[in-house]
Amino acid sequence: MASSNDSSKGDHAEVSDTDADLAQISISEAWTQIAKGEKTAQALESHLTSLEKKIDDLLASFEESERAKVDEANSEASDSRSGDSNGGTETKA
């Protein structure tokens, strides 16, 4: 009976080796997938950085345009007020 126990231990060791090999393959595949995911994340981050820069440039352009319009409106309002102060009163000679 000792021989049957020995053979079952040998089979168990063989199965463990196969399980270990499968586990090693699974770990290797997991690392490969992680590396692939990291590359994808880096590419997405690069694209997002580019989009963020474009949005910042558009916002700066819009703010500059609005600032120029406000300055122009203030200048026109100031000119019309200074014209009203002289034109609103008549002087007799």
PDB file of N, CA and C in Angstrom:
ATOM      1  N   MET A   1       0.799  -1.186   0.000  1.00  0.00           N
ATOM      2  CA  MET A   1       0.000   0.000   0.000  1.00  0.00           C
ATOM      3  C   MET A   1       0.847   1.257   0.000  1.00  0.00           C
ATOM      4  N   ALA A   2       2.016   1.132   0.416  1.00  0.00           N
ATOM      5  CA  ALA A   2       2.902   2.281   0.424  1.00  0.00           C
ATOM      6  C   ALA A   2       3.131   2.800  -0.977  1.00  0.00           C
ATOM      7  N   SER A   3       3.124   1.913  -1.942  1.00  0.00           N
ATOM      8  CA  SER A   3       3.365   2.346  -3.315  1.00  0.00           C
ATOM      9  C   SER A   3       2.214   3.192  -3.852  1.00  0.00           C
ATOM     10  N   SER A   4       0.973   2.884  -3.458  1.00  0.00           N
ATOM     11  CA  SER A   4      -0.156   3.681  -3.940  1.00  0.00           C
ATOM     12  C   SER A   4      -0.105   5.082  -3.346  1.00  0.00           C
ATOM     13  N   ASN A   5       0.326   5.195  -2.105  1.00  0.00           N
ATOM     14  CA  ASN A   5       0.469   6.511  -1.487  1.00  0.00           C
ATOM     15  C   ASN A   5       1.564   7.314  -2.172  1.00  0.00           C
ATOM     16  N   ASP A   6       2.654   6.616  -2.521  1.00  0.00           N
ATOM     17  CA  ASP A   6       3.755   7.289  -3.197  1.00  0.00           C
ATOM     18  C   ASP A   6       3.319   7.810  -4.558  1.00  0.00           C
ATOM     19  N   SER A   7       2.543   7.006  -5.278  1.00  0.00           N
ATOM     20  CA  SER A   7       2.116   7.434  -6.611  1.00  0.00           C
ATOM     21  C   SER A   7       1.135   8.595  -6.524  1.00  0.00           C
ATOM     22  N   SER A   8       0.273   8.619  -5.506  1.00  0.00           N
ATOM     23  CA  SER A   8      -0.670   9.727  -5.375  1.00  0.00           C
ATOM     24  C   SER A   8       0.066  11.006  -4.999  1.00  0.00           C
ATOM     25  N   LYS A   9       1.127  10.890  -4.223  1.00  0.00           N
ATOM     26  CA  LYS A   9       1.927  12.069  -3.893  1.00  0.00           C
ATOM     27  C   LYS A   9       2.621  12.598  -5.138  1.00  0.00           C
ATOM     28  N   GLY A  10       3.073  11.704  -5.985  1.00  0.00           N
ATOM     29  CA  GLY A  10       3.724  12.109  -7.232  1.00  0.00           C
ATOM     30  C   GLY A  10       2.748  12.818  -8.153  1.00  0.00           C
ATOM     31  N   ASP A  11       1.524  12.313  -8.240  1.00  0.00           N
ATOM     32  CA  ASP A  11       0.499  12.955  -9.061  1.00  0.00           C
ATOM     33  C   ASP A  11       0.162  14.342  -8.515  1.00  0.00           C
ATOM     34  N   HIS A  12       0.107  14.441  -7.195  1.00  0.00           N
ATOM     35  CA  HIS A  12      -0.206  15.714  -6.555  1.00  0.00           C
ATOM     36  C   HIS A  12       0.894  16.736  -6.840  1.00  0.00           C
ATOM     37  N   ALA A  13       2.139  16.293  -6.797  1.00  0.00           N
ATOM     38  CA  ALA A  13       3.257  17.186  -7.085  1.00  0.00           C
ATOM     39  C   ALA A  13       3.203  17.647  -8.534  1.00  0.00           C
ATOM     40  N   GLU A  14       2.817  16.745  -9.430  1.00  0.00           N
ATOM     41  CA  GLU A  14       2.720  17.091 -10.844  1.00  0.00           C
ATOM     42  C   GLU A  14       1.606  18.113 -11.071  1.00  0.00           C
ATOM     43  N   VAL A  15       0.484  17.940 -10.398  1.00  0.00           N
ATOM     44  CA  VAL A  15      -0.626  18.883 -10.506  1.00  0.00           C
ATOM     45  C   VAL A  15      -0.211  20.236  -9.941  1.00  0.00           C
ATOM     46  N   SER A  16       0.504  20.232  -8.837  1.00  0.00           N
ATOM     47  CA  SER A  16       0.962  21.483  -8.238  1.00  0.00           C
ATOM     48  C   SER A  16       1.886  22.224  -9.186  1.00  0.00           C
ATOM     49  N   ASP A  17       2.763  21.493  -9.866  1.00  0.00           N
ATOM     50  CA  ASP A  17       3.648  22.125 -10.842  1.00  0.00           C
ATOM     51  C   ASP A  17       2.838  22.750 -11.969  1.00  0.00           C
ATOM     52  N   THR A  18       1.815  22.050 -12.429  1.00  0.00           N
ATOM     53  CA  THR A  18       0.960  22.573 -13.494  1.00  0.00           C
ATOM     54  C   THR A  18       0.215  23.809 -13.012  1.00  0.00           C
ATOM     55  N   ASP A  19      -0.302  23.755 -11.787  1.00  0.00           N
ATOM     56  CA  ASP A  19      -0.983  24.916 -11.215  1.00  0.00           C
ATOM     57  C   ASP A  19      -0.026  26.093 -11.084  1.00  0.00           C
ATOM     58  N   ALA A  20       1.192  25.806 -10.666  1.00  0.00           N
ATOM     59  CA  ALA A  20       2.196  26.862 -10.527  1.00  0.00           C
ATOM     60  C   ALA A  20       2.521  27.474 -11.886  1.00  0.00           C
ATOM     61  N   ASP A  21       2.626  26.624 -12.905  1.00  0.00           N
ATOM     62  CA  ASP A  21       2.892  27.122 -14.256  1.00  0.00           C
ATOM     63  C   ASP A  21       1.739  28.006 -14.736  1.00  0.00           C
ATOM     64  N   LEU A  22       0.508  27.550 -14.484  1.00  0.00           N
ATOM     65  CA  LEU A  22      -0.659  28.341 -14.881  1.00  0.00           C
ATOM     66  C   LEU A  22      -0.708  29.668 -14.125  1.00  0.00           C
ATOM     67  N   ALA A  23      -0.372  29.615 -12.854  1.00  0.00           N
ATOM     68  CA  ALA A  23      -0.352  30.838 -12.054  1.00  0.00           C
ATOM     69  C   ALA A  23       0.708  31.797 -12.586  1.00  0.00           C
ATOM     70  N   GLN A  24       1.865  31.252 -12.947  1.00  0.00           N
ATOM     71  CA  GLN A  24       2.942  32.079 -13.493  1.00  0.00           C
ATOM     72  C   GLN A  24       2.509  32.722 -14.811  1.00  0.00           C
ATOM     73  N   ILE A  25       1.834  31.947 -15.649  1.00  0.00           N
ATOM     74  CA  ILE A  25       1.334  32.470 -16.921  1.00  0.00           C
ATOM     75  C   ILE A  25       0.293  33.557 -16.657  1.00  0.00           C
ATOM     76  N   SER A  26      -0.590  33.320 -15.697  1.00  0.00           N
ATOM     77  CA  SER A  26      -1.619  34.307 -15.366  1.00  0.00           C
ATOM     78  C   SER A  26      -0.993  35.599 -14.857  1.00  0.00           C
ATOM     79  N   ILE A  27       0.022  35.471 -14.031  1.00  0.00           N
ATOM     80  CA  ILE A  27       0.717  36.654 -13.517  1.00  0.00           C
ATOM     81  C   ILE A  27       1.395  37.398 -14.662  1.00  0.00           C
ATOM     82  N   SER A  28       2.023  36.643 -15.550  1.00  0.00           N
ATOM     83  CA  SER A  28       2.686  37.253 -16.702  1.00  0.00           C
ATOM     84  C   SER A  28       1.681  37.995 -17.581  1.00  0.00           C
ATOM     85  N   GLU A  29       0.535  37.368 -17.823  1.00  0.00           N
ATOM     86  CA  GLU A  29      -0.508  38.013 -18.623  1.00  0.00           C
ATOM     87  C   GLU A  29      -1.047  39.256 -17.915  1.00  0.00           C
ATOM     88  N   ALA A  30      -1.167  39.179 -16.606  1.00  0.00           N
ATOM     89  CA  ALA A  30      -1.650  40.328 -15.841  1.00  0.00           C
ATOM     90  C   ALA A  30      -0.678  41.499 -15.972  1.00  0.00           C
ATOM     91  N   TRP A  31       0.616  41.219 -15.859  1.00  0.00           N
ATOM     92  CA  TRP A  31       1.622  42.278 -16.002  1.00  0.00           C
ATOM     93  C   TRP A  31       1.592  42.866 -17.409  1.00  0.00           C
ATOM     94  N   THR A  32       1.380  42.025 -18.399  1.00  0.00           N
ATOM     95  CA  THR A  32       1.286  42.497 -19.779  1.00  0.00           C
ATOM     96  C   THR A  32       0.086  43.425 -19.929  1.00  0.00           C
ATOM     97  N   GLN A  33      -1.042  43.034 -19.359  1.00  0.00           N
ATOM     98  CA  GLN A  33      -2.245  43.867 -19.426  1.00  0.00           C
ATOM     99  C   GLN A  33      -2.050  45.182 -18.668  1.00  0.00           C
ATOM    100  N   ILE A  34      -1.375  45.114 -17.537  1.00  0.00           N
ATOM    101  CA  ILE A  34      -1.102  46.331 -16.762  1.00  0.00           C
ATOM    102  C   ILE A  34      -0.227  47.279 -17.571  1.00  0.00           C
ATOM    103  N   ALA A  35       0.816  46.740 -18.201  1.00  0.00           N
ATOM    104  CA  ALA A  35       1.701  47.574 -19.023  1.00  0.00           C
ATOM    105  C   ALA A  35       0.931  48.207 -20.179  1.00  0.00           C
ATOM    106  N   LYS A  36       0.056  47.434 -20.790  1.00  0.00           N
ATOM    107  CA  LYS A  36      -0.766  47.940 -21.893  1.00  0.00           C
ATOM    108  C   LYS A  36      -1.690  49.051 -21.385  1.00  0.00           C
ATOM    109  N   GLY A  37      -2.273  48.832 -20.223  1.00  0.00           N
ATOM    110  CA  GLY A  37      -3.142  49.844 -19.618  1.00  0.00           C
ATOM    111  C   GLY A  37      -2.386  51.120 -19.288  1.00  0.00           C
ATOM    112  N   GLU A  38      -1.158  50.982 -18.812  1.00  0.00           N
ATOM    113  CA  GLU A  38      -0.327  52.148 -18.507  1.00  0.00           C
ATOM    114  C   GLU A  38      -0.044  52.959 -19.767  1.00  0.00           C
ATOM    115  N   LYS A  39       0.262  52.272 -20.867  1.00  0.00           N
ATOM    116  CA  LYS A  39       0.514  52.972 -22.132  1.00  0.00           C
ATOM    117  C   LYS A  39      -0.735  53.711 -22.590  1.00  0.00           C
ATOM    118  N   THR A  40      -1.881  53.066 -22.457  1.00  0.00           N
ATOM    119  CA  THR A  40      -3.144  53.700 -22.831  1.00  0.00           C
ATOM    120  C   THR A  40      -3.400  54.925 -21.958  1.00  0.00           C
ATOM    121  N   ALA A  41      -3.149  54.793 -20.667  1.00  0.00           N
ATOM    122  CA  ALA A  41      -3.355  55.910 -19.742  1.00  0.00           C
ATOM    123  C   ALA A  41      -2.429  57.075 -20.085  1.00  0.00           C
ATOM    124  N   GLN A  42      -1.184  56.779 -20.429  1.00  0.00           N
ATOM    125  CA  GLN A  42      -0.246  57.839 -20.801  1.00  0.00           C
ATOM    126  C   GLN A  42      -0.700  58.551 -22.071  1.00  0.00           C
ATOM    127  N   ALA A  43      -1.190  57.796 -23.046  1.00  0.00           N
ATOM    128  CA  ALA A  43      -1.676  58.397 -24.287  1.00  0.00           C
ATOM    129  C   ALA A  43      -2.889  59.286 -24.014  1.00  0.00           C
ATOM    130  N   LEU A  44      -3.810  58.801 -23.186  1.00  0.00           N
ATOM    131  CA  LEU A  44      -4.988  59.598 -22.839  1.00  0.00           C
ATOM    132  C   LEU A  44      -4.591  60.869 -22.095  1.00  0.00           C
ATOM    133  N   GLU A  45      -3.646  60.744 -21.186  1.00  0.00           N
ATOM    134  CA  GLU A  45      -3.185  61.906 -20.431  1.00  0.00           C
ATOM    135  C   GLU A  45      -2.559  62.940 -21.365  1.00  0.00           C
ATOM    136  N   SER A  46      -1.811  62.474 -22.338  1.00  0.00           N
ATOM    137  CA  SER A  46      -1.200  63.377 -23.315  1.00  0.00           C
ATOM    138  C   SER A  46      -2.271  64.112 -24.115  1.00  0.00           C
ATOM    139  N   HIS A  47      -3.291  63.380 -24.562  1.00  0.00           N
ATOM    140  CA  HIS A  47      -4.382  64.005 -25.312  1.00  0.00           C
ATOM    141  C   HIS A  47      -5.149  64.998 -24.436  1.00  0.00           C
ATOM    142  N   LEU A  48      -5.382  64.639 -23.190  1.00  0.00           N
ATOM    143  CA  LEU A  48      -6.098  65.537 -22.288  1.00  0.00           C
ATOM    144  C   LEU A  48      -5.293  66.805 -22.019  1.00  0.00           C
ATOM    145  N   THR A  49      -3.984  66.670 -21.887  1.00  0.00           N
ATOM    146  CA  THR A  49      -3.126  67.831 -21.678  1.00  0.00           C
ATOM    147  C   THR A  49      -3.202  68.763 -22.881  1.00  0.00           C
ATOM    148  N   SER A  50      -3.194  68.180 -24.066  1.00  0.00           N
ATOM    149  CA  SER A  50      -3.312  68.972 -25.293  1.00  0.00           C
ATOM    150  C   SER A  50      -4.655  69.697 -25.346  1.00  0.00           C
ATOM    151  N   LEU A  51      -5.728  68.993 -25.020  1.00  0.00           N
ATOM    152  CA  LEU A  51      -7.056  69.618 -25.003  1.00  0.00           C
ATOM    153  C   LEU A  51      -7.138  70.729 -23.958  1.00  0.00           C
ATOM    154  N   GLU A  52      -6.543  70.487 -22.803  1.00  0.00           N
ATOM    155  CA  GLU A  52      -6.556  71.487 -21.741  1.00  0.00           C
ATOM    156  C   GLU A  52      -5.845  72.764 -22.196  1.00  0.00           C
ATOM    157  N   LYS A  53      -4.726  72.613 -22.894  1.00  0.00           N
ATOM    158  CA  LYS A  53      -3.999  73.778 -23.402  1.00  0.00           C
ATOM    159  C   LYS A  53      -4.851  74.541 -24.412  1.00  0.00           C
ATOM    160  N   LYS A  54      -5.523  73.819 -25.303  1.00  0.00           N
ATOM    161  CA  LYS A  54      -6.379  74.478 -26.291  1.00  0.00           C
ATOM    162  C   LYS A  54      -7.518  75.234 -25.609  1.00  0.00           C
ATOM    163  N   ILE A  55      -8.114  74.628 -24.593  1.00  0.00           N
ATOM    164  CA  ILE A  55      -9.202  75.278 -23.856  1.00  0.00           C
ATOM    165  C   ILE A  55      -8.683  76.524 -23.146  1.00  0.00           C
ATOM    166  N   ASP A  56      -7.502  76.423 -22.525  1.00  0.00           N
ATOM    167  CA  ASP A  56      -6.909  77.580 -21.853  1.00  0.00           C
ATOM    168  C   ASP A  56      -6.637  78.711 -22.841  1.00  0.00           C
ATOM    169  N   ASP A  57      -6.133  78.366 -24.030  1.00  0.00           N
ATOM    170  CA  ASP A  57      -5.869  79.376 -25.058  1.00  0.00           C
ATOM    171  C   ASP A  57      -7.162  80.049 -25.515  1.00  0.00           C
ATOM    172  N   LEU A  58      -8.210  79.246 -25.725  1.00  0.00           N
ATOM    173  CA  LEU A  58      -9.504  79.812 -26.120  1.00  0.00           C
ATOM    174  C   LEU A  58     -10.068  80.725 -25.034  1.00  0.00           C
ATOM    175  N   LEU A  59      -9.956  80.304 -23.792  1.00  0.00           N
ATOM    176  CA  LEU A  59     -10.451  81.103 -22.679  1.00  0.00           C
ATOM    177  C   LEU A  59      -9.685  82.416 -22.576  1.00  0.00           C
ATOM    178  N   ALA A  60      -8.374  82.360 -22.715  1.00  0.00           N
ATOM    179  CA  ALA A  60      -7.567  83.578 -22.659  1.00  0.00           C
ATOM    180  C   ALA A  60      -7.940  84.524 -23.795  1.00  0.00           C
ATOM    181  N   SER A  61      -8.154  83.975 -24.977  1.00  0.00           N
ATOM    182  CA  SER A  61      -8.556  84.787 -26.126  1.00  0.00           C
ATOM    183  C   SER A  61      -9.917  85.437 -25.882  1.00  0.00           C
ATOM    184  N   PHE A  62     -10.847  84.667 -25.353  1.00  0.00           N
ATOM    185  CA  PHE A  62     -12.179  85.188 -25.055  1.00  0.00           C
ATOM    186  C   PHE A  62     -12.102  86.292 -24.006  1.00  0.00           C
ATOM    187  N   GLU A  63     -11.324  86.069 -22.948  1.00  0.00           N
ATOM    188  CA  GLU A  63     -11.197  87.072 -21.891  1.00  0.00           C
ATOM    189  C   GLU A  63     -10.574  88.352 -22.432  1.00  0.00           C
ATOM    190  N   GLU A  64      -9.578  88.216 -23.292  1.00  0.00           N
ATOM    191  CA  GLU A  64      -8.936  89.385 -23.892  1.00  0.00           C
ATOM    192  C   GLU A  64      -9.930  90.157 -24.759  1.00  0.00           C
ATOM    193  N   SER A  65     -10.716  89.430 -25.536  1.00  0.00           N
ATOM    194  CA  SER A  65     -11.727  90.058 -26.391  1.00  0.00           C
ATOM    195  C   SER A  65     -12.770  90.790 -25.549  1.00  0.00           C
ATOM    196  N   GLU A  66     -13.228  90.161 -24.493  1.00  0.00           N
ATOM    197  CA  GLU A  66     -14.220  90.782 -23.610  1.00  0.00           C
ATOM    198  C   GLU A  66     -13.642  92.012 -22.918  1.00  0.00           C
ATOM    199  N   ARG A  67     -12.394  91.926 -22.487  1.00  0.00           N
ATOM    200  CA  ARG A  67     -11.739  93.051 -21.828  1.00  0.00           C
ATOM    201  C   ARG A  67     -11.644  94.237 -22.798  1.00  0.00           C
ATOM    202  N   ALA A  68     -11.299  93.952 -24.060  1.00  0.00           N
ATOM    203  CA  ALA A  68     -11.208  95.012 -25.067  1.00  0.00           C
ATOM    204  C   ALA A  68     -12.575  95.650 -25.301  1.00  0.00           C
ATOM    205  N   LYS A  69     -13.639  94.836 -25.341  1.00  0.00           N
ATOM    206  CA  LYS A  69     -14.989  95.374 -25.535  1.00  0.00           C
ATOM    207  C   LYS A  69     -15.406  96.249 -24.356  1.00  0.00           C
ATOM    208  N   VAL A  70     -15.088  95.827 -23.140  1.00  0.00           N
ATOM    209  CA  VAL A  70     -15.431  96.605 -21.948  1.00  0.00           C
ATOM    210  C   VAL A  70     -14.663  97.918 -21.955  1.00  0.00           C
ATOM    211  N   ASP A  71     -13.376  97.858 -22.283  1.00  0.00           N
ATOM    212  CA  ASP A  71     -12.572  99.080 -22.340  1.00  0.00           C
ATOM    213  C   ASP A  71     -13.120 100.045 -23.391  1.00  0.00           C
ATOM    214  N   GLU A  72     -13.505  99.507 -24.547  1.00  0.00           N
ATOM    215  CA  GLU A  72     -14.065 100.337 -25.620  1.00  0.00           C
ATOM    216  C   GLU A  72     -15.385 100.961 -25.176  1.00  0.00           C
ATOM    217  N   ALA A  73     -16.236 100.180 -24.539  1.00  0.00           N
ATOM    218  CA  ALA A  73     -17.522 100.694 -24.063  1.00  0.00           C
ATOM    219  C   ALA A  73     -17.308 101.765 -23.001  1.00  0.00           C
ATOM    220  N   ASN A  74     -16.365 101.546 -22.104  1.00  0.00           N
ATOM    221  CA  ASN A  74     -16.071 102.538 -21.066  1.00  0.00           C
ATOM    222  C   ASN A  74     -15.524 103.819 -21.686  1.00  0.00           C
ATOM    223  N   SER A  75     -14.690 103.672 -22.691  1.00  0.00           N
ATOM    224  CA  SER A  75     -14.119 104.832 -23.373  1.00  0.00           C
ATOM    225  C   SER A  75     -15.208 105.635 -24.075  1.00  0.00           C
ATOM    226  N   GLU A  76     -16.122 104.954 -24.763  1.00  0.00           N
ATOM    227  CA  GLU A  76     -17.225 105.632 -25.445  1.00  0.00           C
ATOM    228  C   GLU A  76     -18.145 106.323 -24.440  1.00  0.00           C
ATOM    229  N   ALA A  77     -18.405 105.669 -23.322  1.00  0.00           N
ATOM    230  CA  ALA A  77     -19.264 106.256 -22.292  1.00  0.00           C
ATOM    231  C   ALA A  77     -18.595 107.488 -21.696  1.00  0.00           C
ATOM    232  N   SER A  78     -17.314 107.429 -21.496  1.00  0.00           N
ATOM    233  CA  SER A  78     -16.571 108.555 -20.948  1.00  0.00           C
ATOM    234  C   SER A  78     -16.570 109.723 -21.927  1.00  0.00           C
ATOM    235  N   ASP A  79     -16.387 109.430 -23.214  1.00  0.00           N
ATOM    236  CA  ASP A  79     -16.397 110.474 -24.242  1.00  0.00           C
ATOM    237  C   ASP A  79     -17.765 111.140 -24.325  1.00  0.00           C
ATOM    238  N   SER A  80     -18.819 110.362 -24.268  1.00  0.00           N
ATOM    239  CA  SER A  80     -20.165 110.931 -24.376  1.00  0.00           C
ATOM    240  C   SER A  80     -20.500 111.757 -23.141  1.00  0.00           C
ATOM    241  N   ARG A  81     -20.020 111.397 -21.981  1.00  0.00           N
ATOM    242  CA  ARG A  81     -20.270 112.175 -20.767  1.00  0.00           C
ATOM    243  C   ARG A  81     -19.522 113.502 -20.806  1.00  0.00           C
ATOM    244  N   SER A  82     -18.303 113.483 -21.273  1.00  0.00           N
ATOM    245  CA  SER A  82     -17.554 114.738 -21.333  1.00  0.00           C
ATOM    246  C   SER A  82     -18.146 115.653 -22.397  1.00  0.00           C
ATOM    247  N   GLY A  83     -18.717 115.127 -23.430  1.00  0.00           N
ATOM    248  CA  GLY A  83     -19.402 115.931 -24.449  1.00  0.00           C
ATOM    249  C   GLY A  83     -20.694 116.506 -23.911  1.00  0.00           C
ATOM    250  N   ASP A  84     -21.400 115.777 -23.067  1.00  0.00           N
ATOM    251  CA  ASP A  84     -22.658 116.245 -22.483  1.00  0.00           C
ATOM    252  C   ASP A  84     -22.423 117.393 -21.517  1.00  0.00           C
ATOM    253  N   SER A  85     -21.340 117.414 -20.823  1.00  0.00           N
ATOM    254  CA  SER A  85     -21.117 118.446 -19.820  1.00  0.00           C
ATOM    255  C   SER A  85     -20.917 119.806 -20.472  1.00  0.00           C
ATOM    256  N   ASN A  86     -20.337 119.873 -21.649  1.00  0.00           N
ATOM    257  CA  ASN A  86     -20.168 121.151 -22.347  1.00  0.00           C
ATOM    258  C   ASN A  86     -21.387 121.474 -23.200  1.00  0.00           C
ATOM    259  N   GLY A  87     -21.977 120.494 -23.795  1.00  0.00           N
ATOM    260  CA  GLY A  87     -23.087 120.720 -24.708  1.00  0.00           C
ATOM    261  C   GLY A  87     -24.399 120.951 -23.993  1.00  0.00           C
ATOM    262  N   GLY A  88     -24.513 120.592 -22.766  1.00  0.00           N
ATOM    263  CA  GLY A  88     -25.768 120.702 -22.047  1.00  0.00           C
ATOM    264  C   GLY A  88     -26.050 122.100 -21.542  1.00  0.00           C
ATOM    265  N   THR A  89     -25.048 122.950 -21.452  1.00  0.00           N
ATOM    266  CA  THR A  89     -25.265 124.307 -20.944  1.00  0.00           C
ATOM    267  C   THR A  89     -24.935 125.309 -22.037  1.00  0.00           C
ATOM    268  N   GLU A  90     -25.747 126.354 -22.088  1.00  0.00           N
ATOM    269  CA  GLU A  90     -25.491 127.398 -23.076  1.00  0.00           C
ATOM    270  C   GLU A  90     -24.901 128.602 -22.370  1.00  0.00           C
ATOM    271  N   THR A  91     -23.982 129.206 -23.032  1.00  0.00           N
ATOM    272  CA  THR A  91     -23.414 130.442 -22.482  1.00  0.00           C
ATOM    273  C   THR A  91     -23.841 131.598 -23.371  1.00  0.00           C
ATOM    274  N   LYS A  92     -24.262 132.705 -22.741  1.00  0.00           N
ATOM    275  CA  LYS A  92     -24.697 133.873 -23.505  1.00  0.00           C
ATOM    276  C   LYS A  92     -23.547 134.856 -23.555  1.00  0.00           C
ATOM    277  N   ALA A  93     -23.388 135.452 -24.701  1.00  0.00           N
ATOM    278  CA  ALA A  93     -22.296 136.396 -24.847  1.00  0.00           C
ATOM    279  C   ALA A  93     -22.763 137.813 -24.727  1.00  0.00           C
TER     280      ALA A  93
END
